[in-house]
C-alpha atoms as a PDB file:
ATOM      1  CA  MET A   1       0.018  -0.008   0.049  1.00  0.00           C
ATOM      2  CA  TYR A   2       1.510   3.168  -1.252  1.00  0.00           C
ATOM      3  CA  ALA A   3       0.002   6.196   0.533  1.00  0.00           C
ATOM      4  CA  SER A   4       0.051   9.983   0.072  1.00  0.00           C
ATOM      5  CA  ASN A   5      -1.692  13.080   1.142  1.00  0.00           C
ATOM      6  CA  ASP A   6      -2.480  13.556  -2.637  1.00  0.00           C
ATOM      7  CA  LEU A   7      -3.534  10.720  -4.610  1.00  0.00           C
ATOM      8  CA  ALA A   8      -3.087  12.314  -8.122  1.00  0.00           C
ATOM      9  CA  LEU A   9       0.587  13.264  -7.366  1.00  0.00           C
ATOM     10  CA  ALA A  10       1.353   9.776  -5.952  1.00  0.00           C
ATOM     11  CA  SER A  11      -0.157   7.989  -8.934  1.00  0.00           C
ATOM     12  CA  ALA A  12       1.753  10.263 -11.272  1.00  0.00           C
ATOM     13  CA  SER A  13       4.984   9.466  -9.613  1.00  0.00           C
ATOM     14  CA  ILE A  14       4.244   5.733  -9.829  1.00  0.00           C
ATOM     15  CA  ALA A  15       3.319   6.051 -13.561  1.00  0.00           C
ATOM     16  CA  ASP A  16       6.819   7.825 -14.083  1.00  0.00           C
ATOM     17  CA  LEU A  17       8.737   5.186 -12.178  1.00  0.00           C
ATOM     18  CA  PHE A  18       6.973   2.119 -13.720  1.00  0.00           C
ATOM     19  CA  GLY A  19       5.937   3.369 -17.174  1.00  0.00           C
ATOM     20  CA  VAL A  20       2.418   2.072 -16.323  1.00  0.00           C
ATOM     21  CA  VAL A  21      -0.554   4.245 -15.209  1.00  0.00           C
ATOM     22  CA  PRO A  22      -2.449   3.065 -12.185  1.00  0.00           C
ATOM     23  CA  VAL A  23      -6.237   2.629 -12.933  1.00  0.00           C
ATOM     24  CA  PRO A  24      -9.003   4.183 -10.699  1.00  0.00           C
ATOM     25  CA  GLY A  25     -10.201   1.781  -7.909  1.00  0.00           C
ATOM     26  CA  GLY A  26     -12.932   3.715  -6.054  1.00  0.00           C
ATOM     27  CA  ARG A  27     -13.929   5.576  -2.843  1.00  0.00           C
ATOM     28  CA  HIS A  28     -13.945   4.189   0.578  1.00  0.00           C
ATOM     29  CA  VAL A  29     -17.118   5.829   1.883  1.00  0.00           C
ATOM     30  CA  GLY A  30     -16.912   6.777   5.529  1.00  0.00           C
ATOM     31  CA  HIS A  31     -13.198   6.408   5.659  1.00  0.00           C
ATOM     32  CA  GLY A  32     -12.256   9.563   3.690  1.00  0.00           C
ATOM     33  CA  THR A  33     -10.066   7.923   1.137  1.00  0.00           C
ATOM     34  CA  HIS A  34      -9.958   6.713  -2.483  1.00  0.00           C
ATOM     35  CA  ASN A  35      -7.463   4.661  -4.472  1.00  0.00           C
ATOM     36  CA  GLU A  36      -5.855   3.672  -7.839  1.00  0.00           C
ATOM     37  CA  LEU A  37      -4.463   0.216  -8.517  1.00  0.00           C
ATOM     38  CA  LEU A  38      -1.643  -1.396 -10.442  1.00  0.00           C
ATOM     39  CA  SER A  39      -1.088  -5.099 -11.194  1.00  0.00           C
ATOM     40  CA  LEU A  40       2.163  -6.612  -9.746  1.00  0.00           C
ATOM     41  CA  GLY A  41       1.510 -10.099 -11.357  1.00  0.00           C
ATOM     42  CA  GLY A  42      -0.763 -12.842 -10.497  1.00  0.00           C
ATOM     43  CA  ALA A  43      -3.079 -12.047  -7.479  1.00  0.00           C
ATOM     44  CA  THR A  44      -0.651  -9.253  -6.248  1.00  0.00           C
ATOM     45  CA  TYR A  45      -1.249  -5.568  -6.808  1.00  0.00           C
ATOM     46  CA  LEU A  46      -0.031  -2.105  -5.641  1.00  0.00           C
ATOM     47  CA  GLU A  47      -2.757   0.089  -4.041  1.00  0.00           C
ATOM     48  CA  VAL A  48      -2.123   3.818  -4.278  1.00  0.00           C
ATOM     49  CA  ILE A  49      -4.275   5.560  -1.679  1.00  0.00           C
ATOM     50  CA  GLY A  50      -4.939   9.133  -0.619  1.00  0.00           C
ATOM     51  CA  PRO A  51      -7.499  11.496   0.746  1.00  0.00           C
ATOM     52  CA  ASP A  52     -10.860  11.651  -1.078  1.00  0.00           C
ATOM     53  CA  PRO A  53     -11.718  15.422  -1.482  1.00  0.00           C
ATOM     54  CA  THR A  54     -15.440  14.525  -2.092  1.00  0.00           C
ATOM     55  CA  GLN A  55     -15.763  13.183   1.556  1.00  0.00           C
ATOM     56  CA  HIS A  56     -15.945  16.259   3.598  1.00  0.00           C
ATOM     57  CA  GLU A  57     -17.134  14.662   6.947  1.00  0.00           C
ATOM     58  CA  VAL A  58     -15.001  11.776   8.172  1.00  0.00           C
ATOM     59  CA  ALA A  59     -15.056  10.512  11.699  1.00  0.00           C
ATOM     60  CA  GLY A  60     -11.524  10.454  13.117  1.00  0.00           C
ATOM     61  CA  PRO A  61      -8.281  10.439  11.208  1.00  0.00           C
ATOM     62  CA  ARG A  62      -7.944   8.613   7.840  1.00  0.00           C
ATOM     63  CA  PRO A  63      -6.394   5.202   8.001  1.00  0.00           C
ATOM     64  CA  PHE A  64      -2.714   4.369   7.329  1.00  0.00           C
ATOM     65  CA  GLY A  65      -1.512   7.533   8.772  1.00  0.00           C
ATOM     66  CA  ILE A  66      -2.352   9.367   5.519  1.00  0.00           C
ATOM     67  CA  ASP A  67      -3.138  12.733   7.203  1.00  0.00           C
ATOM     68  CA  GLY A  68       0.381  12.895   8.627  1.00  0.00           C
ATOM     69  CA  LEU A  69       2.248  12.058   5.330  1.00  0.00           C
ATOM     70  CA  SER A  70       4.574  14.741   3.891  1.00  0.00           C
ATOM     71  CA  GLU A  71       5.588  12.588   0.879  1.00  0.00           C
ATOM     72  CA  PRO A  72       4.409   9.295  -0.581  1.00  0.00           C
ATOM     73  CA  ALA A  73       5.537   6.091   1.254  1.00  0.00           C
ATOM     74  CA  LEU A  74       5.022   2.396   1.448  1.00  0.00           C
ATOM     75  CA  VAL A  75       2.892   2.312   4.549  1.00  0.00           C
ATOM     76  CA  ALA A  76       1.458  -1.163   4.955  1.00  0.00           C
ATOM     77  CA  TRP A  77       1.196  -4.580   3.157  1.00  0.00           C
ATOM     78  CA  CYS A  78      -1.582  -7.051   3.041  1.00  0.00           C
ATOM     79  CA  VAL A  79      -2.041 -10.731   2.617  1.00  0.00           C
ATOM     80  CA  ARG A  80      -5.118 -12.795   1.495  1.00  0.00           C
ATOM     81  CA  PRO A  81      -5.806 -15.283   4.298  1.00  0.00           C
ATOM     82  CA  VAL A  82      -5.786 -19.073   3.698  1.00  0.00           C
ATOM     83  CA  ARG A  83      -8.490 -19.648   6.481  1.00  0.00           C
ATOM     84  CA  ALA A  84     -11.081 -17.699   8.435  1.00  0.00           C
ATOM     85  CA  LEU A  85      -9.960 -14.294   9.568  1.00  0.00           C
ATOM     86  CA  ALA A  86     -11.620 -14.927  13.062  1.00  0.00           C
ATOM     87  CA  GLU A  87      -9.592 -18.168  13.509  1.00  0.00           C
ATOM     88  CA  ILE A  88      -6.290 -16.531  12.567  1.00  0.00           C
ATOM     89  CA  ILE A  89      -6.925 -13.664  14.900  1.00  0.00           C
ATOM     90  CA  ALA A  90      -7.717 -15.897  17.770  1.00  0.00           C
ATOM     91  CA  GLU A  91      -4.691 -18.158  17.311  1.00  0.00           C
ATOM     92  CA  ALA A  92      -2.476 -14.910  17.083  1.00  0.00           C
ATOM     93  CA  ARG A  93      -3.964 -13.499  20.291  1.00  0.00           C
ATOM     94  CA  SER A  94      -3.347 -16.768  22.120  1.00  0.00           C
ATOM     95  CA  ALA A  95       0.384 -16.236  21.128  1.00  0.00           C
ATOM     96  CA  GLY A  96       0.319 -12.675  22.379  1.00  0.00           C
ATOM     97  CA  ILE A  97       0.080 -11.103  18.931  1.00  0.00           C
ATOM     98  CA  GLU A  98      -2.596  -8.602  18.074  1.00  0.00           C
ATOM     99  CA  LEU A  99      -3.891  -8.490  14.455  1.00  0.00           C
ATOM    100  CA  GLY A 100      -6.976  -6.410  15.158  1.00  0.00           C
ATOM    101  CA  ASP A 101     -10.641  -6.920  14.665  1.00  0.00           C
ATOM    102  CA  VAL A 102     -12.540  -7.752  11.538  1.00  0.00           C
ATOM    103  CA  THR A 103     -14.099  -4.806   9.757  1.00  0.00           C
ATOM    104  CA  ALA A 104     -16.512  -4.966   6.724  1.00  0.00           C
ATOM    105  CA  MET A 105     -15.789  -2.508   3.823  1.00  0.00           C
ATOM    106  CA  SER A 106     -16.831  -1.782   0.317  1.00  0.00           C
ATOM    107  CA  ARG A 107     -16.215   0.274  -2.736  1.00  0.00           C
ATOM    108  CA  ARG A 108     -17.805   0.647  -6.158  1.00  0.00           C
ATOM    109  CA  ARG A 109     -15.536   0.406  -9.214  1.00  0.00           C
ATOM    110  CA  PRO A 110     -15.801   3.011 -11.933  1.00  0.00           C
ATOM    111  CA  ASP A 111     -17.834   0.514 -14.039  1.00  0.00           C
ATOM    112  CA  GLY A 112     -20.492   0.254 -11.253  1.00  0.00           C
ATOM    113  CA  VAL A 113     -19.437  -3.128  -9.753  1.00  0.00           C
ATOM    114  CA  LEU A 114     -19.628  -3.125  -5.986  1.00  0.00           C
ATOM    115  CA  LEU A 115     -16.798  -4.903  -4.198  1.00  0.00           C
ATOM    116  CA  GLU A 116     -17.368  -6.010  -0.632  1.00  0.00           C
ATOM    117  CA  TRP A 117     -14.714  -7.430   1.630  1.00  0.00           C
ATOM    118  CA  GLN A 118     -13.726  -7.987   5.257  1.00  0.00           C
ATOM    119  CA  LEU A 119     -10.291  -6.877   6.546  1.00  0.00           C
ATOM    120  CA  THR A 120      -8.228  -6.341   9.636  1.00  0.00           C
ATOM    121  CA  PHE A 121      -6.748  -2.857   9.766  1.00  0.00           C
ATOM    122  CA  PRO A 122      -2.884  -2.541  10.251  1.00  0.00           C
ATOM    123  CA  GLN A 123      -1.770  -2.339  13.804  1.00  0.00           C
ATOM    124  CA  LEU A 124       0.539   0.586  13.067  1.00  0.00           C
ATOM    125  CA  GLY A 125       0.706   1.663  16.684  1.00  0.00           C
ATOM    126  CA  GLY A 126       1.564  -1.895  17.896  1.00  0.00           C
ATOM    127  CA  PRO A 127       4.966  -3.388  18.534  1.00  0.00           C
ATOM    128  CA  PHE A 128       5.468  -4.555  15.138  1.00  0.00           C
ATOM    129  CA  GLY A 129       4.365  -1.374  13.308  1.00  0.00           C
ATOM    130  CA  LEU A 130       4.139  -1.557   9.550  1.00  0.00           C
ATOM    131  CA  ALA A 131       6.125  -4.862   9.479  1.00  0.00           C
ATOM    132  CA  LEU A 132       2.918  -6.784  10.405  1.00  0.00           C
ATOM    133  CA  PRO A 133       0.688  -7.331   7.535  1.00  0.00           C
ATOM    134  CA  PHE A 134      -3.069  -6.735   7.556  1.00  0.00           C
ATOM    135  CA  MET A 135      -5.493  -9.261   5.909  1.00  0.00           C
ATOM    136  CA  ILE A 136      -8.300  -9.022   3.470  1.00  0.00           C
ATOM    137  CA  ASP A 137     -10.940 -11.697   2.780  1.00  0.00           C
ATOM    138  CA  TRP A 138     -12.530 -10.849  -0.548  1.00  0.00           C
ATOM    139  CA  GLY A 139     -15.377 -13.479  -0.123  1.00  0.00           C
ATOM    140  CA  ALA A 140     -17.605 -13.683  -3.146  1.00  0.00           C
ATOM    141  CA  SER A 141     -16.337 -10.351  -4.647  1.00  0.00           C
ATOM    142  CA  THR A 142     -14.213 -10.316  -7.733  1.00  0.00           C
ATOM    143  CA  HIS A 143     -10.541  -9.947  -6.812  1.00  0.00           C
ATOM    144  CA  PRO A 144      -9.179  -6.553  -7.909  1.00  0.00           C
ATOM    145  CA  THR A 145      -6.513  -8.024 -10.136  1.00  0.00           C
ATOM    146  CA  GLY A 146      -9.175  -9.497 -12.326  1.00  0.00           C
ATOM    147  CA  SER A 147      -9.610  -6.071 -14.038  1.00  0.00           C
ATOM    148  CA  LEU A 148      -6.102  -4.721 -13.858  1.00  0.00           C
ATOM    149  CA  PRO A 149      -3.758  -4.459 -16.810  1.00  0.00           C
ATOM    150  CA  PRO A 150      -0.326  -6.121 -16.485  1.00  0.00           C
ATOM    151  CA  GLY A 151       2.826  -4.106 -16.456  1.00  0.00           C
ATOM    152  CA  ALA A 152       4.913  -4.843 -13.332  1.00  0.00           C
ATOM    153  CA  THR A 153       5.884  -7.787 -11.227  1.00  0.00           C
ATOM    154  CA  LEU A 154       6.704  -7.988  -7.487  1.00  0.00           C
ATOM    155  CA  VAL A 155      10.114  -9.458  -7.257  1.00  0.00           C
ATOM    156  CA  GLU A 156      10.584  -9.438  -3.385  1.00  0.00           C
ATOM    157  CA  LEU A 157       9.005  -7.852  -0.341  1.00  0.00           C
ATOM    158  CA  GLU A 158      11.638  -7.208   2.284  1.00  0.00           C
ATOM    159  CA  VAL A 159      10.246  -6.888   5.933  1.00  0.00           C
ATOM    160  CA  VAL A 160      12.558  -5.495   8.579  1.00  0.00           C
ATOM    161  CA  HIS A 161      11.996  -5.522  12.335  1.00  0.00           C
ATOM    162  CA  PRO A 162      14.111  -5.859  15.615  1.00  0.00           C
ATOM    163  CA  ASP A 163      12.278  -8.964  16.890  1.00  0.00           C
ATOM    164  CA  ALA A 164      12.349 -11.031  13.619  1.00  0.00           C
ATOM    165  CA  ARG A 165      11.718 -14.176  15.718  1.00  0.00           C
ATOM    166  CA  GLN A 166       8.432 -13.027  17.062  1.00  0.00           C
ATOM    167  CA  LEU A 167       7.413 -11.635  13.758  1.00  0.00           C
ATOM    168  CA  ARG A 168       8.124 -14.947  12.169  1.00  0.00           C
ATOM    169  CA  ILE A 169       5.731 -16.648  14.570  1.00  0.00           C
ATOM    170  CA  ALA A 170       3.031 -14.144  13.296  1.00  0.00           C
ATOM    171  CA  PHE A 171       3.767 -14.927   9.736  1.00  0.00           C
ATOM    172  CA  ASP A 172       3.344 -18.772  10.390  1.00  0.00           C
ATOM    173  CA  ILE A 173       0.001 -18.195  12.019  1.00  0.00           C
ATOM    174  CA  ILE A 174      -1.202 -16.022   9.144  1.00  0.00           C
ATOM    175  CA  GLY A 175       0.016 -18.630   6.657  1.00  0.00           C
ATOM    176  CA  LEU A 176       2.854 -16.745   4.834  1.00  0.00           C
ATOM    177  CA  ASP A 177       5.165 -19.229   2.898  1.00  0.00           C
ATOM    178  CA  ALA A 178       6.826 -17.461   0.170  1.00  0.00           C
ATOM    179  CA  GLY A 179       7.691 -14.059  -1.434  1.00  0.00           C
ATOM    180  CA  VAL A 180       8.634 -12.395   1.809  1.00  0.00           C
ATOM    181  CA  VAL A 181      12.060 -11.927   3.113  1.00  0.00           C
ATOM    182  CA  LEU A 182      12.225 -11.271   6.912  1.00  0.00           C
ATOM    183  CA  GLN A 183      15.212  -9.236   8.092  1.00  0.00           C
ATOM    184  CA  LYS A 184      16.343  -8.083  11.547  1.00  0.00           C
ATOM    185  CA  GLY A 185      16.943  -4.394  11.812  1.00  0.00           C
ATOM    186  CA  GLU A 186      16.791  -1.516  14.351  1.00  0.00           C
ATOM    187  CA  GLN A 187      13.501  -0.068  12.988  1.00  0.00           C
ATOM    188  CA  PRO A 188      10.392  -1.584  11.324  1.00  0.00           C
ATOM    189  CA  ALA A 189      10.630  -1.029   7.526  1.00  0.00           C
ATOM    190  CA  LEU A 190       9.353  -2.173   4.172  1.00  0.00           C
ATOM    191  CA  ARG A 191      11.092  -2.443   0.961  1.00  0.00           C
ATOM    192  CA  ALA A 192       9.338  -3.765  -2.269  1.00  0.00           C
ATOM    193  CA  LYS A 193      11.496  -4.618  -5.235  1.00  0.00           C
ATOM    194  CA  ILE A 194       9.416  -4.416  -8.363  1.00  0.00           C
ATOM    195  CA  SER A 195      10.355  -5.198 -11.926  1.00  0.00           C
ATOM    196  CA  THR A 196       8.828  -2.629 -14.332  1.00  0.00           C
ATOM    197  CA  GLN A 197       8.982  -1.590 -17.893  1.00  0.00           C
ATOM    198  CA  ARG A 198      11.708   0.969 -16.876  1.00  0.00           C
ATOM    199  CA  GLY A 199      13.854  -1.565 -14.774  1.00  0.00           C
ATOM    200  CA  GLN A 200      13.745  -2.471 -11.150  1.00  0.00           C
ATOM    201  CA  VAL A 201      12.256  -0.138  -8.783  1.00  0.00           C
ATOM    202  CA  THR A 202      12.281  -0.271  -4.944  1.00  0.00           C
ATOM    203  CA  LEU A 203       9.530   1.374  -2.942  1.00  0.00           C
ATOM    204  CA  SER A 204      10.243   1.763   0.755  1.00  0.00           C
ATOM    205  CA  GLY A 205       8.504   2.821   4.039  1.00  0.00           C
END
């Protein structure tokens, strides 16, 4: 998830870096955001998200720390669960790891198709920060990658955290098995290496 306090500027920077223009996603009504999307191969995609100027009344701050951003950054990452969200959350809590509660959300694509899903919001204020993924269960809705043009491929996602051992326990509970490199470092960080039409690009946060 690549966030900015200005969606148009963030999408333009991605288009310049990748040589591919993100396509409009939709509005997250009640959360004050809207997004644009870009395929990263298979069922993986980059979400570019920012404030929605058409939503004038939003309860509380926008998600993902968008209101406090001074420049675009990789602020979170997401996985599609291999089993029920409630089951994963319960198992993680028994291990002392908080993944958050399940929230229902929806957005309507520009073609009118309504997408509905359940997710756990990132625990950015928790001990793992942005190193811990959030989860989305798309249920019966069409996965977003089904309508995205190709143009880039995720090569590697590097996740950095001081307590890599405890984070690995969280990954095992969630069901992550490939495509993510876990590194020990002083501060939580994300680095996504992406193969594009203009060479390899690294987005970080």
